[in-house]
Amino acid sequence: MKAKDFDRKFDAGEDVTGDLDLAMARRPGHEQRRVNVDFPIWMIESLDREASRLGVPRQSLIKMLVARHFDKAAPSGKTEPDRRPP
């Protein structure tokens, strides 16, 4: 499909997902990297209680809490990753 045909279809509000190769799709800045964090037992128990109360896994709760912290700490309310090289 030519780009102008794709654009025309998209602009008309038609579903273009069938025309995309989503297997190669990437979300820049949202790549994941595994980290290990040591928590005291009392904190793990508190995390587990709260995760159970919310019906989510512990890892999801930790991600939610960290994201909430950065949402509040960001001066503009943006949580986009820092794009500066390390």
N, C-alpha and C. Protein backbone atom coordinates (compact mmCIF):
# COMPACT_ATOMS: atom_id res chain seq x y z
N MET A 1 0.85 -1.17 0.00
CA MET A 1 0.00 0.00 0.00
C MET A 1 0.90 1.24 0.00
N LYS A 2 0.54 2.19 -0.81
CA LYS A 2 1.30 3.43 -0.87
C LYS A 2 0.93 4.32 0.32
N ALA A 3 1.87 5.16 0.72
CA ALA A 3 1.67 6.03 1.88
C ALA A 3 0.44 6.91 1.72
N LYS A 4 0.22 7.44 0.52
CA LYS A 4 -0.94 8.33 0.34
C LYS A 4 -2.25 7.56 0.51
N ASP A 5 -2.27 6.27 0.10
CA ASP A 5 -3.47 5.45 0.30
C ASP A 5 -3.68 5.16 1.78
N PHE A 6 -2.58 4.88 2.48
CA PHE A 6 -2.65 4.64 3.92
C PHE A 6 -3.16 5.89 4.62
N ASP A 7 -2.59 7.05 4.28
CA ASP A 7 -3.01 8.32 4.89
C ASP A 7 -4.49 8.59 4.62
N ARG A 8 -4.93 8.35 3.41
CA ARG A 8 -6.33 8.60 3.05
C ARG A 8 -7.24 7.70 3.90
N LYS A 9 -6.85 6.43 4.03
CA LYS A 9 -7.64 5.49 4.81
C LYS A 9 -7.68 5.91 6.28
N PHE A 10 -6.51 6.31 6.82
CA PHE A 10 -6.44 6.75 8.22
C PHE A 10 -7.28 8.01 8.43
N ASP A 11 -7.13 8.98 7.54
CA ASP A 11 -7.87 10.24 7.66
C ASP A 11 -9.37 10.04 7.56
N ALA A 12 -9.79 9.00 6.85
CA ALA A 12 -11.22 8.70 6.73
C ALA A 12 -11.75 7.98 7.96
N GLY A 13 -10.85 7.68 8.90
CA GLY A 13 -11.28 7.03 10.14
C GLY A 13 -11.41 5.52 10.02
N GLU A 14 -10.87 4.97 8.93
CA GLU A 14 -10.93 3.53 8.74
C GLU A 14 -9.87 2.84 9.61
N ASP A 15 -10.10 1.58 9.90
CA ASP A 15 -9.17 0.79 10.70
C ASP A 15 -7.96 0.45 9.84
N VAL A 16 -6.78 0.92 10.26
CA VAL A 16 -5.56 0.68 9.50
C VAL A 16 -4.66 -0.35 10.18
N THR A 17 -5.10 -0.92 11.29
CA THR A 17 -4.23 -1.85 12.02
C THR A 17 -3.88 -3.08 11.19
N GLY A 18 -4.75 -3.50 10.30
CA GLY A 18 -4.45 -4.64 9.44
C GLY A 18 -3.35 -4.34 8.43
N ASP A 19 -3.09 -3.06 8.22
CA ASP A 19 -2.06 -2.66 7.27
C ASP A 19 -0.71 -2.41 7.94
N LEU A 20 -0.63 -2.61 9.23
CA LEU A 20 0.60 -2.36 9.97
C LEU A 20 1.27 -3.67 10.37
N ASP A 21 2.60 -3.65 10.43
CA ASP A 21 3.36 -4.79 10.92
C ASP A 21 3.65 -4.52 12.40
N LEU A 22 2.74 -4.93 13.27
CA LEU A 22 2.86 -4.63 14.69
C LEU A 22 3.90 -5.50 15.39
N ALA A 23 4.37 -6.55 14.72
CA ALA A 23 5.39 -7.40 15.33
C ALA A 23 6.70 -6.63 15.54
N MET A 24 6.91 -5.62 14.76
CA MET A 24 8.14 -4.83 14.86
C MET A 24 7.91 -3.48 15.56
N ALA A 25 6.71 -3.25 16.06
CA ALA A 25 6.40 -1.98 16.70
C ALA A 25 7.19 -1.80 17.99
N ARG A 26 7.63 -0.60 18.24
CA ARG A 26 8.38 -0.27 19.46
C ARG A 26 7.81 1.01 20.05
N ARG A 27 7.92 1.14 21.35
CA ARG A 27 7.51 2.36 22.04
C ARG A 27 8.77 3.01 22.59
N PRO A 28 9.34 3.95 21.86
CA PRO A 28 10.59 4.58 22.32
C PRO A 28 10.43 5.15 23.73
N GLY A 29 11.42 4.91 24.55
CA GLY A 29 11.39 5.41 25.92
C GLY A 29 10.62 4.51 26.87
N HIS A 30 10.03 3.43 26.36
CA HIS A 30 9.26 2.52 27.20
C HIS A 30 9.87 1.12 27.23
N GLU A 31 11.11 1.01 26.76
CA GLU A 31 11.77 -0.27 26.83
C GLU A 31 11.92 -0.65 28.30
N GLN A 32 11.96 -1.94 28.56
CA GLN A 32 12.07 -2.38 29.95
C GLN A 32 13.45 -2.94 30.23
N ARG A 33 13.87 -2.77 31.45
CA ARG A 33 15.12 -3.34 31.93
C ARG A 33 14.86 -3.89 33.32
N ARG A 34 15.35 -5.08 33.59
CA ARG A 34 15.14 -5.72 34.88
C ARG A 34 16.07 -5.11 35.92
N VAL A 35 15.52 -4.84 37.10
CA VAL A 35 16.32 -4.36 38.23
C VAL A 35 15.99 -5.21 39.45
N ASN A 36 16.94 -5.34 40.32
CA ASN A 36 16.72 -6.05 41.58
C ASN A 36 16.78 -5.04 42.71
N VAL A 37 15.80 -5.11 43.58
CA VAL A 37 15.73 -4.20 44.71
C VAL A 37 15.52 -5.03 45.98
N ASP A 38 16.30 -4.76 46.99
CA ASP A 38 16.13 -5.45 48.27
C ASP A 38 15.27 -4.59 49.18
N PHE A 39 14.18 -5.18 49.71
CA PHE A 39 13.29 -4.51 50.63
C PHE A 39 13.34 -5.21 51.98
N PRO A 40 13.15 -4.48 53.07
CA PRO A 40 13.02 -5.14 54.37
C PRO A 40 11.72 -5.96 54.39
N ILE A 41 11.71 -6.99 55.20
CA ILE A 41 10.55 -7.90 55.26
C ILE A 41 9.26 -7.15 55.56
N TRP A 42 9.29 -6.20 56.51
CA TRP A 42 8.07 -5.49 56.86
C TRP A 42 7.51 -4.74 55.65
N MET A 43 8.39 -4.25 54.78
CA MET A 43 7.93 -3.52 53.61
C MET A 43 7.31 -4.48 52.58
N ILE A 44 7.92 -5.64 52.41
CA ILE A 44 7.37 -6.64 51.49
C ILE A 44 5.99 -7.08 51.97
N GLU A 45 5.87 -7.29 53.28
CA GLU A 45 4.57 -7.70 53.82
C GLU A 45 3.52 -6.61 53.60
N SER A 46 3.92 -5.35 53.78
CA SER A 46 2.99 -4.24 53.53
C SER A 46 2.61 -4.16 52.05
N LEU A 47 3.61 -4.33 51.18
CA LEU A 47 3.34 -4.33 49.75
C LEU A 47 2.38 -5.46 49.38
N ASP A 48 2.61 -6.64 49.93
CA ASP A 48 1.76 -7.79 49.63
C ASP A 48 0.33 -7.57 50.10
N ARG A 49 0.16 -6.98 51.28
CA ARG A 49 -1.20 -6.70 51.78
C ARG A 49 -1.92 -5.72 50.86
N GLU A 50 -1.21 -4.66 50.48
CA GLU A 50 -1.83 -3.65 49.61
C GLU A 50 -2.10 -4.21 48.22
N ALA A 51 -1.17 -5.01 47.69
CA ALA A 51 -1.38 -5.63 46.39
C ALA A 51 -2.58 -6.55 46.41
N SER A 52 -2.72 -7.31 47.49
CA SER A 52 -3.85 -8.21 47.64
C SER A 52 -5.16 -7.42 47.72
N ARG A 53 -5.13 -6.35 48.48
CA ARG A 53 -6.34 -5.51 48.62
C ARG A 53 -6.77 -4.96 47.28
N LEU A 54 -5.80 -4.56 46.45
CA LEU A 54 -6.11 -3.99 45.13
C LEU A 54 -6.31 -5.05 44.06
N GLY A 55 -5.92 -6.30 44.37
CA GLY A 55 -6.07 -7.37 43.39
C GLY A 55 -5.06 -7.30 42.26
N VAL A 56 -3.85 -6.85 42.58
CA VAL A 56 -2.79 -6.76 41.57
C VAL A 56 -1.55 -7.47 42.10
N PRO A 57 -0.65 -7.88 41.21
CA PRO A 57 0.61 -8.47 41.68
C PRO A 57 1.50 -7.43 42.36
N ARG A 58 2.39 -7.88 43.21
CA ARG A 58 3.30 -6.99 43.93
C ARG A 58 4.08 -6.09 42.95
N GLN A 59 4.59 -6.69 41.88
CA GLN A 59 5.38 -5.91 40.92
C GLN A 59 4.56 -4.77 40.32
N SER A 60 3.30 -5.04 40.01
CA SER A 60 2.44 -3.99 39.46
C SER A 60 2.22 -2.87 40.47
N LEU A 61 2.04 -3.24 41.73
CA LEU A 61 1.86 -2.23 42.78
C LEU A 61 3.10 -1.35 42.89
N ILE A 62 4.27 -1.97 42.87
CA ILE A 62 5.51 -1.19 42.97
C ILE A 62 5.62 -0.23 41.79
N LYS A 63 5.31 -0.70 40.60
CA LYS A 63 5.35 0.18 39.41
C LYS A 63 4.37 1.34 39.57
N MET A 64 3.16 1.03 40.07
CA MET A 64 2.16 2.08 40.26
C MET A 64 2.64 3.13 41.26
N LEU A 65 3.23 2.67 42.37
CA LEU A 65 3.69 3.60 43.40
C LEU A 65 4.85 4.46 42.90
N VAL A 66 5.77 3.86 42.17
CA VAL A 66 6.90 4.63 41.63
C VAL A 66 6.39 5.64 40.61
N ALA A 67 5.49 5.22 39.72
CA ALA A 67 4.94 6.13 38.71
C ALA A 67 4.20 7.29 39.38
N ARG A 68 3.43 6.99 40.43
CA ARG A 68 2.70 8.04 41.15
C ARG A 68 3.67 9.04 41.76
N HIS A 69 4.75 8.54 42.32
CA HIS A 69 5.76 9.43 42.89
C HIS A 69 6.31 10.39 41.83
N PHE A 70 6.66 9.85 40.67
CA PHE A 70 7.24 10.69 39.62
C PHE A 70 6.20 11.64 39.03
N ASP A 71 4.93 11.22 38.98
CA ASP A 71 3.88 12.13 38.52
C ASP A 71 3.79 13.35 39.43
N LYS A 72 3.86 13.12 40.74
CA LYS A 72 3.77 14.22 41.69
C LYS A 72 5.03 15.07 41.71
N ALA A 73 6.19 14.43 41.48
CA ALA A 73 7.47 15.13 41.57
C ALA A 73 7.79 15.93 40.31
N ALA A 74 7.21 15.56 39.17
CA ALA A 74 7.53 16.23 37.91
C ALA A 74 6.92 17.63 37.91
N PRO A 75 7.72 18.66 37.65
CA PRO A 75 7.20 20.03 37.70
C PRO A 75 6.10 20.29 36.67
N SER A 76 6.19 19.66 35.51
CA SER A 76 5.19 19.90 34.48
C SER A 76 4.12 18.81 34.46
N GLY A 77 4.25 17.84 35.36
CA GLY A 77 3.31 16.74 35.37
C GLY A 77 3.63 15.68 34.33
N LYS A 78 4.71 15.87 33.58
CA LYS A 78 5.09 14.91 32.55
C LYS A 78 5.95 13.81 33.18
N THR A 79 5.74 12.59 32.72
CA THR A 79 6.53 11.47 33.23
C THR A 79 7.38 10.84 32.14
N GLU A 80 7.59 11.57 31.04
CA GLU A 80 8.39 11.01 29.97
C GLU A 80 9.82 10.80 30.45
N PRO A 81 10.46 9.76 29.95
CA PRO A 81 11.82 9.48 30.39
C PRO A 81 12.79 10.57 29.95
N ASP A 82 13.82 10.71 30.72
CA ASP A 82 14.89 11.63 30.39
C ASP A 82 15.61 11.11 29.17
N ARG A 83 15.72 11.91 28.12
CA ARG A 83 16.30 11.46 26.87
C ARG A 83 17.80 11.71 26.79
N ARG A 84 18.40 12.27 27.86
CA ARG A 84 19.84 12.54 27.84
C ARG A 84 20.61 11.23 27.85
N PRO A 85 21.74 11.20 27.14
CA PRO A 85 22.56 9.98 27.19
C PRO A 85 23.15 9.79 28.57
N PRO A 86 23.42 8.53 28.97
CA PRO A 86 23.94 8.27 30.30
C PRO A 86 25.34 8.83 30.51
